[in-house]
PDB file of N, CA and C in Angstrom:
ATOM      1  N   UNK A   1      13.491   1.144 -67.426  1.00  0.00           N
ATOM      2  CA  UNK A   1      12.261   1.709 -67.223  1.00  0.00           C
ATOM      3  C   UNK A   1      11.852   1.972 -65.853  1.00  0.00           C
ATOM      4  N   UNK A   2      10.978   2.957 -65.438  1.00  0.00           N
ATOM      5  CA  UNK A   2      10.787   3.444 -64.354  1.00  0.00           C
ATOM      6  C   UNK A   2       9.863   2.162 -63.733  1.00  0.00           C
ATOM      7  N   UNK A   3      10.030   2.191 -62.413  1.00  0.00           N
ATOM      8  CA  UNK A   3       9.094   1.235 -61.793  1.00  0.00           C
ATOM      9  C   UNK A   3       7.934   2.017 -61.083  1.00  0.00           C
ATOM     10  N   UNK A   4       7.903   3.406 -60.784  1.00  0.00           N
ATOM     11  CA  UNK A   4       6.772   3.998 -60.027  1.00  0.00           C
ATOM     12  C   UNK A   4       7.396   4.510 -58.731  1.00  0.00           C
ATOM     13  N   UNK A   5       6.660   5.206 -58.119  1.00  0.00           N
ATOM     14  CA  UNK A   5       6.853   5.966 -57.013  1.00  0.00           C
ATOM     15  C   UNK A   5       7.040   5.091 -55.707  1.00  0.00           C
ATOM     16  N   UNK A   6       7.805   5.292 -54.657  1.00  0.00           N
ATOM     17  CA  UNK A   6       7.721   4.688 -53.495  1.00  0.00           C
ATOM     18  C   UNK A   6       6.457   4.866 -52.660  1.00  0.00           C
ATOM     19  N   UNK A   7       6.071   3.802 -52.181  1.00  0.00           N
ATOM     20  CA  UNK A   7       5.183   3.791 -51.103  1.00  0.00           C
ATOM     21  C   UNK A   7       5.559   4.609 -49.994  1.00  0.00           C
ATOM     22  N   UNK A   8       4.661   5.433 -49.254  1.00  0.00           N
ATOM     23  CA  UNK A   8       5.162   5.978 -47.832  1.00  0.00           C
ATOM     24  C   UNK A   8       4.266   5.446 -46.764  1.00  0.00           C
ATOM     25  N   UNK A   9       5.261   5.018 -45.713  1.00  0.00           N
ATOM     26  CA  UNK A   9       4.747   4.291 -44.614  1.00  0.00           C
ATOM     27  C   UNK A   9       4.589   5.367 -43.646  1.00  0.00           C
ATOM     28  N   UNK A  10       3.555   4.948 -42.550  1.00  0.00           N
ATOM     29  CA  UNK A  10       3.233   5.868 -41.416  1.00  0.00           C
ATOM     30  C   UNK A  10       4.534   5.626 -40.301  1.00  0.00           C
ATOM     31  N   UNK A  11       4.924   6.486 -39.521  1.00  0.00           N
ATOM     32  CA  UNK A  11       6.028   5.807 -38.566  1.00  0.00           C
ATOM     33  C   UNK A  11       5.099   5.323 -37.278  1.00  0.00           C
ATOM     34  N   UNK A  12       5.473   4.054 -36.968  1.00  0.00           N
ATOM     35  CA  UNK A  12       4.678   3.416 -35.917  1.00  0.00           C
ATOM     36  C   UNK A  12       5.457   3.720 -34.665  1.00  0.00           C
ATOM     37  N   UNK A  13       4.826   3.652 -33.606  1.00  0.00           N
ATOM     38  CA  UNK A  13       5.166   3.699 -32.367  1.00  0.00           C
ATOM     39  C   UNK A  13       5.268   4.884 -31.765  1.00  0.00           C
ATOM     40  N   UNK A  14       5.873   5.931 -32.440  1.00  0.00           N
ATOM     41  CA  UNK A  14       6.028   7.250 -31.677  1.00  0.00           C
ATOM     42  C   UNK A  14       4.994   8.130 -31.402  1.00  0.00           C
ATOM     43  N   UNK A  15       3.854   7.809 -32.144  1.00  0.00           N
ATOM     44  CA  UNK A  15       2.469   8.178 -31.702  1.00  0.00           C
ATOM     45  C   UNK A  15       1.421   7.535 -30.997  1.00  0.00           C
ATOM     46  N   UNK A  16       1.712   6.680 -29.964  1.00  0.00           N
ATOM     47  CA  UNK A  16       0.798   5.987 -29.351  1.00  0.00           C
ATOM     48  C   UNK A  16       0.032   6.995 -28.351  1.00  0.00           C
ATOM     49  N   UNK A  17      -1.226   6.520 -28.269  1.00  0.00           N
ATOM     50  CA  UNK A  17      -1.893   7.365 -27.396  1.00  0.00           C
ATOM     51  C   UNK A  17      -1.899   7.239 -25.790  1.00  0.00           C
ATOM     52  N   UNK A  18      -1.942   7.742 -25.102  1.00  0.00           N
ATOM     53  CA  UNK A  18      -1.890   7.699 -23.477  1.00  0.00           C
ATOM     54  C   UNK A  18      -3.278   7.421 -23.175  1.00  0.00           C
ATOM     55  N   UNK A  19      -3.298   7.017 -22.030  1.00  0.00           N
ATOM     56  CA  UNK A  19      -4.928   6.664 -21.452  1.00  0.00           C
ATOM     57  C   UNK A  19      -5.412   7.988 -20.817  1.00  0.00           C
ATOM     58  N   UNK A  20      -6.707   8.576 -21.069  1.00  0.00           N
ATOM     59  CA  UNK A  20      -7.145   9.837 -20.768  1.00  0.00           C
ATOM     60  C   UNK A  20      -7.318   9.504 -19.120  1.00  0.00           C
ATOM     61  N   UNK A  21      -7.720   8.228 -18.784  1.00  0.00           N
ATOM     62  CA  UNK A  21      -8.023   8.680 -17.255  1.00  0.00           C
ATOM     63  C   UNK A  21      -6.796   8.602 -16.287  1.00  0.00           C
ATOM     64  N   UNK A  22      -6.411   9.677 -15.274  1.00  0.00           N
ATOM     65  CA  UNK A  22      -4.995   9.703 -14.619  1.00  0.00           C
ATOM     66  C   UNK A  22      -5.482   8.994 -13.319  1.00  0.00           C
ATOM     67  N   UNK A  23      -6.523   8.610 -13.007  1.00  0.00           N
ATOM     68  CA  UNK A  23      -7.008   7.970 -11.716  1.00  0.00           C
ATOM     69  C   UNK A  23      -6.523   6.839 -11.572  1.00  0.00           C
ATOM     70  N   UNK A  24      -6.395   6.317 -10.339  1.00  0.00           N
ATOM     71  CA  UNK A  24      -5.835   4.634 -10.162  1.00  0.00           C
ATOM     72  C   UNK A  24      -6.873   3.683 -10.367  1.00  0.00           C
ATOM     73  N   UNK A  25      -6.650   2.735 -11.089  1.00  0.00           N
ATOM     74  CA  UNK A  25      -7.704   1.706 -11.367  1.00  0.00           C
ATOM     75  C   UNK A  25      -8.222   1.010 -10.400  1.00  0.00           C
ATOM     76  N   UNK A  26      -9.378   0.735 -10.522  1.00  0.00           N
ATOM     77  CA  UNK A  26     -10.311   0.060  -9.356  1.00  0.00           C
ATOM     78  C   UNK A  26      -9.665  -1.297  -9.240  1.00  0.00           C
ATOM     79  N   UNK A  27      -9.701  -1.783  -7.797  1.00  0.00           N
ATOM     80  CA  UNK A  27      -9.322  -2.992  -7.542  1.00  0.00           C
ATOM     81  C   UNK A  27     -10.343  -4.076  -7.911  1.00  0.00           C
ATOM     82  N   UNK A  28      -9.891  -5.482  -7.735  1.00  0.00           N
ATOM     83  CA  UNK A  28     -10.769  -6.551  -7.803  1.00  0.00           C
ATOM     84  C   UNK A  28     -11.962  -6.340  -6.756  1.00  0.00           C
ATOM     85  N   UNK A  29     -13.293  -6.799  -7.160  1.00  0.00           N
ATOM     86  CA  UNK A  29     -14.070  -6.709  -6.181  1.00  0.00           C
ATOM     87  C   UNK A  29     -14.038  -8.251  -5.507  1.00  0.00           C
ATOM     88  N   UNK A  30     -14.633  -8.151  -3.998  1.00  0.00           N
ATOM     89  CA  UNK A  30     -14.445  -9.429  -3.378  1.00  0.00           C
ATOM     90  C   UNK A  30     -15.759  -9.704  -2.759  1.00  0.00           C
ATOM     91  N   UNK A  31     -16.538 -10.790  -3.114  1.00  0.00           N
ATOM     92  CA  UNK A  31     -17.702 -11.176  -2.405  1.00  0.00           C
ATOM     93  C   UNK A  31     -17.725 -11.616  -1.177  1.00  0.00           C
ATOM     94  N   UNK A  32     -18.240 -11.103  -0.063  1.00  0.00           N
ATOM     95  CA  UNK A  32     -18.243 -11.135   1.112  1.00  0.00           C
ATOM     96  C   UNK A  32     -18.875 -12.645   1.360  1.00  0.00           C
ATOM     97  N   UNK A  33     -18.172 -13.844   2.189  1.00  0.00           N
ATOM     98  CA  UNK A  33     -18.531 -14.980   2.636  1.00  0.00           C
ATOM     99  C   UNK A  33     -20.022 -14.973   3.557  1.00  0.00           C
ATOM    100  N   UNK A  34     -20.808 -16.127   2.876  1.00  0.00           N
ATOM    101  CA  UNK A  34     -22.167 -16.029   3.702  1.00  0.00           C
ATOM    102  C   UNK A  34     -21.978 -17.345   4.764  1.00  0.00           C
ATOM    103  N   UNK A  35     -21.259 -18.504   4.685  1.00  0.00           N
ATOM    104  CA  UNK A  35     -21.057 -19.265   5.509  1.00  0.00           C
ATOM    105  C   UNK A  35     -20.426 -18.628   6.996  1.00  0.00           C
ATOM    106  N   UNK A  36     -21.090 -19.524   7.866  1.00  0.00           N
ATOM    107  CA  UNK A  36     -20.691 -18.799   9.454  1.00  0.00           C
ATOM    108  C   UNK A  36     -19.085 -19.052   9.441  1.00  0.00           C
ATOM    109  N   UNK A  37     -18.858 -20.156   9.108  1.00  0.00           N
ATOM    110  CA  UNK A  37     -17.417 -20.626   9.598  1.00  0.00           C
ATOM    111  C   UNK A  37     -16.248 -19.745   8.702  1.00  0.00           C
ATOM    112  N   UNK A  38     -16.597 -19.176   7.435  1.00  0.00           N
ATOM    113  CA  UNK A  38     -15.746 -18.572   6.610  1.00  0.00           C
ATOM    114  C   UNK A  38     -15.710 -17.041   7.346  1.00  0.00           C
ATOM    115  N   UNK A  39     -17.058 -16.681   7.741  1.00  0.00           N
ATOM    116  CA  UNK A  39     -17.255 -15.288   8.205  1.00  0.00           C
ATOM    117  C   UNK A  39     -16.207 -15.508   9.367  1.00  0.00           C
ATOM    118  N   UNK A  40     -16.065 -16.219  10.403  1.00  0.00           N
ATOM    119  CA  UNK A  40     -15.249 -16.292  11.477  1.00  0.00           C
ATOM    120  C   UNK A  40     -14.107 -16.499  11.372  1.00  0.00           C
ATOM    121  N   UNK A  41     -13.905 -17.277  10.366  1.00  0.00           N
ATOM    122  CA  UNK A  41     -12.319 -17.381   9.790  1.00  0.00           C
ATOM    123  C   UNK A  41     -11.521 -16.007   9.155  1.00  0.00           C
ATOM    124  N   UNK A  42     -12.428 -15.332   8.535  1.00  0.00           N
ATOM    125  CA  UNK A  42     -12.146 -13.974   8.011  1.00  0.00           C
ATOM    126  C   UNK A  42     -12.022 -12.877   8.895  1.00  0.00           C
ATOM    127  N   UNK A  43     -12.958 -12.921   9.971  1.00  0.00           N
ATOM    128  CA  UNK A  43     -12.810 -12.081  11.177  1.00  0.00           C
ATOM    129  C   UNK A  43     -11.236 -12.309  11.684  1.00  0.00           C
ATOM    130  N   UNK A  44     -10.944 -13.461  12.160  1.00  0.00           N
ATOM    131  CA  UNK A  44      -9.717 -13.884  12.624  1.00  0.00           C
ATOM    132  C   UNK A  44      -8.331 -13.306  11.953  1.00  0.00           C
ATOM    133  N   UNK A  45      -8.663 -13.766  10.593  1.00  0.00           N
ATOM    134  CA  UNK A  45      -7.273 -13.326  10.001  1.00  0.00           C
ATOM    135  C   UNK A  45      -7.604 -12.093   9.913  1.00  0.00           C
ATOM    136  N   UNK A  46      -8.298 -10.842   9.805  1.00  0.00           N
ATOM    137  CA  UNK A  46      -8.321  -9.629   9.978  1.00  0.00           C
ATOM    138  C   UNK A  46      -7.664  -9.203  11.266  1.00  0.00           C
ATOM    139  N   UNK A  47      -7.992  -9.654  12.116  1.00  0.00           N
ATOM    140  CA  UNK A  47      -7.339  -9.440  13.802  1.00  0.00           C
ATOM    141  C   UNK A  47      -6.134  -9.602  13.640  1.00  0.00           C
ATOM    142  N   UNK A  48      -5.484 -10.881  13.330  1.00  0.00           N
ATOM    143  CA  UNK A  48      -4.337 -11.382  13.334  1.00  0.00           C
ATOM    144  C   UNK A  48      -3.352 -10.139  12.494  1.00  0.00           C
ATOM    145  N   UNK A  49      -3.697  -9.932  11.403  1.00  0.00           N
ATOM    146  CA  UNK A  49      -3.077  -9.080  10.397  1.00  0.00           C
ATOM    147  C   UNK A  49      -2.985  -7.857  10.999  1.00  0.00           C
ATOM    148  N   UNK A  50      -3.997  -7.256  11.495  1.00  0.00           N
ATOM    149  CA  UNK A  50      -3.899  -5.922  12.296  1.00  0.00           C
ATOM    150  C   UNK A  50      -2.927  -5.799  13.544  1.00  0.00           C
ATOM    151  N   UNK A  51      -2.812  -6.956  14.264  1.00  0.00           N
ATOM    152  CA  UNK A  51      -1.764  -7.107  15.236  1.00  0.00           C
ATOM    153  C   UNK A  51      -0.378  -7.195  14.745  1.00  0.00           C
ATOM    154  N   UNK A  52      -0.249  -7.861  13.803  1.00  0.00           N
ATOM    155  CA  UNK A  52       1.011  -8.050  12.928  1.00  0.00           C
ATOM    156  C   UNK A  52       1.684  -6.623  12.545  1.00  0.00           C
ATOM    157  N   UNK A  53       0.710  -6.200  11.662  1.00  0.00           N
ATOM    158  CA  UNK A  53       1.247  -4.815  11.180  1.00  0.00           C
ATOM    159  C   UNK A  53       1.398  -3.679  12.300  1.00  0.00           C
ATOM    160  N   UNK A  54       0.323  -3.701  13.195  1.00  0.00           N
ATOM    161  CA  UNK A  54       0.730  -2.847  14.448  1.00  0.00           C
ATOM    162  C   UNK A  54       2.307  -3.118  15.016  1.00  0.00           C
ATOM    163  N   UNK A  55       2.377  -4.171  15.078  1.00  0.00           N
ATOM    164  CA  UNK A  55       3.974  -4.684  15.784  1.00  0.00           C
ATOM    165  C   UNK A  55       4.948  -4.303  15.113  1.00  0.00           C
ATOM    166  N   UNK A  56       4.544  -4.519  13.640  1.00  0.00           N
ATOM    167  CA  UNK A  56       5.821  -4.184  12.802  1.00  0.00           C
ATOM    168  C   UNK A  56       6.258  -2.661  12.723  1.00  0.00           C
ATOM    169  N   UNK A  57       4.809  -1.987  12.628  1.00  0.00           N
ATOM    170  CA  UNK A  57       5.234  -0.400  12.599  1.00  0.00           C
ATOM    171  C   UNK A  57       5.648  -0.111  14.044  1.00  0.00           C
ATOM    172  N   UNK A  58       5.527  -0.547  15.396  1.00  0.00           N
ATOM    173  CA  UNK A  58       6.171  -0.373  16.401  1.00  0.00           C
ATOM    174  C   UNK A  58       7.380  -0.725  16.225  1.00  0.00           C
ATOM    175  N   UNK A  59       8.083  -1.707  15.923  1.00  0.00           N
ATOM    176  CA  UNK A  59       9.475  -2.101  15.608  1.00  0.00           C
ATOM    177  C   UNK A  59      10.172  -0.968  14.695  1.00  0.00           C
ATOM    178  N   UNK A  60       9.591  -0.672  13.557  1.00  0.00           N
ATOM    179  CA  UNK A  60      10.134   0.225  12.734  1.00  0.00           C
ATOM    180  C   UNK A  60      10.148   1.505  13.715  1.00  0.00           C
ATOM    181  N   UNK A  61       9.537   1.991  14.367  1.00  0.00           N
ATOM    182  CA  UNK A  61       9.478   3.275  15.105  1.00  0.00           C
ATOM    183  C   UNK A  61      10.357   3.017  16.047  1.00  0.00           C
ATOM    184  N   UNK A  62      10.625   2.176  16.709  1.00  0.00           N
ATOM    185  CA  UNK A  62      11.771   2.126  17.699  1.00  0.00           C
ATOM    186  C   UNK A  62      13.187   2.033  16.915  1.00  0.00           C
ATOM    187  N   UNK A  63      13.316   1.418  16.047  1.00  0.00           N
ATOM    188  CA  UNK A  63      14.614   1.456  15.014  1.00  0.00           C
ATOM    189  C   UNK A  63      14.982   2.829  14.629  1.00  0.00           C
ATOM    190  N   UNK A  64      13.663   3.409  14.073  1.00  0.00           N
ATOM    191  CA  UNK A  64      14.050   4.799  13.407  1.00  0.00           C
ATOM    192  C   UNK A  64      13.238   5.922  14.596  1.00  0.00           C
ATOM    193  N   UNK A  65      13.845   6.322  15.845  1.00  0.00           N
ATOM    194  CA  UNK A  65      13.160   6.919  16.660  1.00  0.00           C
ATOM    195  C   UNK A  65      13.288   8.156  16.698  1.00  0.00           C
ATOM    196  N   UNK A  66      13.732   8.682  15.454  1.00  0.00           N
ATOM    197  CA  UNK A  66      13.898  10.359  15.297  1.00  0.00           C
ATOM    198  C   UNK A  66      12.580  10.790  14.486  1.00  0.00           C
ATOM    199  N   UNK A  67      12.010   9.602  14.079  1.00  0.00           N
ATOM    200  CA  UNK A  67      10.340  10.183  13.516  1.00  0.00           C
ATOM    201  C   UNK A  67       9.425  10.192  14.457  1.00  0.00           C
ATOM    202  N   UNK A  68       8.624  11.293  14.261  1.00  0.00           N
ATOM    203  CA  UNK A  68       7.805  11.776  15.260  1.00  0.00           C
ATOM    204  C   UNK A  68       6.304  11.179  14.830  1.00  0.00           C
ATOM    205  N   UNK A  69       6.208  10.842  13.347  1.00  0.00           N
ATOM    206  CA  UNK A  69       5.093  10.659  12.761  1.00  0.00           C
ATOM    207  C   UNK A  69       4.677   9.165  13.322  1.00  0.00           C
ATOM    208  N   UNK A  70       5.471   8.228  13.461  1.00  0.00           N
ATOM    209  CA  UNK A  70       5.265   6.849  14.179  1.00  0.00           C
ATOM    210  C   UNK A  70       5.227   6.703  15.729  1.00  0.00           C
ATOM    211  N   UNK A  71       4.318   6.383  16.363  1.00  0.00           N
ATOM    212  CA  UNK A  71       4.027   5.967  17.641  1.00  0.00           C
ATOM    213  C   UNK A  71       4.983   4.802  18.080  1.00  0.00           C
ATOM    214  N   UNK A  72       5.519   5.176  19.371  1.00  0.00           N
ATOM    215  CA  UNK A  72       6.573   4.299  19.774  1.00  0.00           C
ATOM    216  C   UNK A  72       7.871   4.162  19.717  1.00  0.00           C
ATOM    217  N   UNK A  73       8.522   5.476  19.397  1.00  0.00           N
ATOM    218  CA  UNK A  73       9.604   5.905  19.116  1.00  0.00           C
ATOM    219  C   UNK A  73      10.259   6.170  20.282  1.00  0.00           C
ATOM    220  N   UNK A  74      11.380   6.744  20.451  1.00  0.00           N
ATOM    221  CA  UNK A  74      12.183   7.172  21.550  1.00  0.00           C
ATOM    222  C   UNK A  74      11.672   7.989  22.214  1.00  0.00           C
ATOM    223  N   UNK A  75      10.843   9.194  21.838  1.00  0.00           N
ATOM    224  CA  UNK A  75      10.005  10.187  22.325  1.00  0.00           C
ATOM    225  C   UNK A  75       9.030   9.341  23.314  1.00  0.00           C
ATOM    226  N   UNK A  76       8.363   8.757  22.828  1.00  0.00           N
ATOM    227  CA  UNK A  76       7.381   8.221  23.466  1.00  0.00           C
ATOM    228  C   UNK A  76       7.807   7.321  24.575  1.00  0.00           C
ATOM    229  N   UNK A  77       8.921   6.306  24.531  1.00  0.00           N
ATOM    230  CA  UNK A  77       9.615   5.857  25.475  1.00  0.00           C
ATOM    231  C   UNK A  77      10.043   6.921  26.784  1.00  0.00           C
ATOM    232  N   UNK A  78      10.573   7.725  26.542  1.00  0.00           N
ATOM    233  CA  UNK A  78      11.122   8.861  27.182  1.00  0.00           C
ATOM    234  C   UNK A  78       9.727   9.433  28.212  1.00  0.00           C
ATOM    235  N   UNK A  79       8.734   9.895  27.574  1.00  0.00           N
ATOM    236  CA  UNK A  79       7.420  10.357  28.047  1.00  0.00           C
ATOM    237  C   UNK A  79       6.849   9.463  28.920  1.00  0.00           C
ATOM    238  N   UNK A  80       6.848   7.987  28.535  1.00  0.00           N
ATOM    239  CA  UNK A  80       6.292   6.945  29.373  1.00  0.00           C
ATOM    240  C   UNK A  80       7.062   6.396  30.878  1.00  0.00           C
ATOM    241  N   UNK A  81       8.079   6.686  30.685  1.00  0.00           N
ATOM    242  CA  UNK A  81       9.323   6.309  31.824  1.00  0.00           C
ATOM    243  C   UNK A  81       9.212   7.640  32.880  1.00  0.00           C
ATOM    244  N   UNK A  82       8.751   8.643  32.348  1.00  0.00           N
ATOM    245  CA  UNK A  82       8.644   9.715  33.040  1.00  0.00           C
ATOM    246  C   UNK A  82       7.146   9.758  33.691  1.00  0.00           C
ATOM    247  N   UNK A  83       6.541   9.264  33.295  1.00  0.00           N
ATOM    248  CA  UNK A  83       4.815   9.167  33.799  1.00  0.00           C
ATOM    249  C   UNK A  83       4.942   7.983  34.648  1.00  0.00           C
ATOM    250  N   UNK A  84       5.719   6.939  34.755  1.00  0.00           N
ATOM    251  CA  UNK A  84       5.674   5.791  35.398  1.00  0.00           C
ATOM    252  C   UNK A  84       6.499   6.183  36.885  1.00  0.00           C
ATOM    253  N   UNK A  85       7.503   7.164  36.801  1.00  0.00           N
ATOM    254  CA  UNK A  85       8.275   7.629  37.831  1.00  0.00           C
ATOM    255  C   UNK A  85       7.280   8.376  38.758  1.00  0.00           C
ATOM    256  N   UNK A  86       6.346   9.151  38.148  1.00  0.00           N
ATOM    257  CA  UNK A  86       5.414  10.248  39.020  1.00  0.00           C
ATOM    258  C   UNK A  86       4.477   9.610  39.955  1.00  0.00           C
ATOM    259  N   UNK A  87       3.789   8.396  39.487  1.00  0.00           N
ATOM    260  CA  UNK A  87       2.778   7.626  40.135  1.00  0.00           C
ATOM    261  C   UNK A  87       3.414   7.218  41.351  1.00  0.00           C
TER     262      UNK A  87
END
């Protein structure tokens, strides 16, 4: 006896849709603090972080002195020493 025709299945996984938006996703929102102590702490943290970032970039510029994009490299040292000698 014939058992009937085979059921046809759709291929899965190969035809997945891509997201239409190519722009980067928006980051999480942050609510600014209202207490004075928290505002002061946030300002201090921001200042210290900026200092650490600047120092790190300066160290990297010194190590890779051939890069003109970073300030504080070998070129800047040469011009700084020449300026000091003229005064």
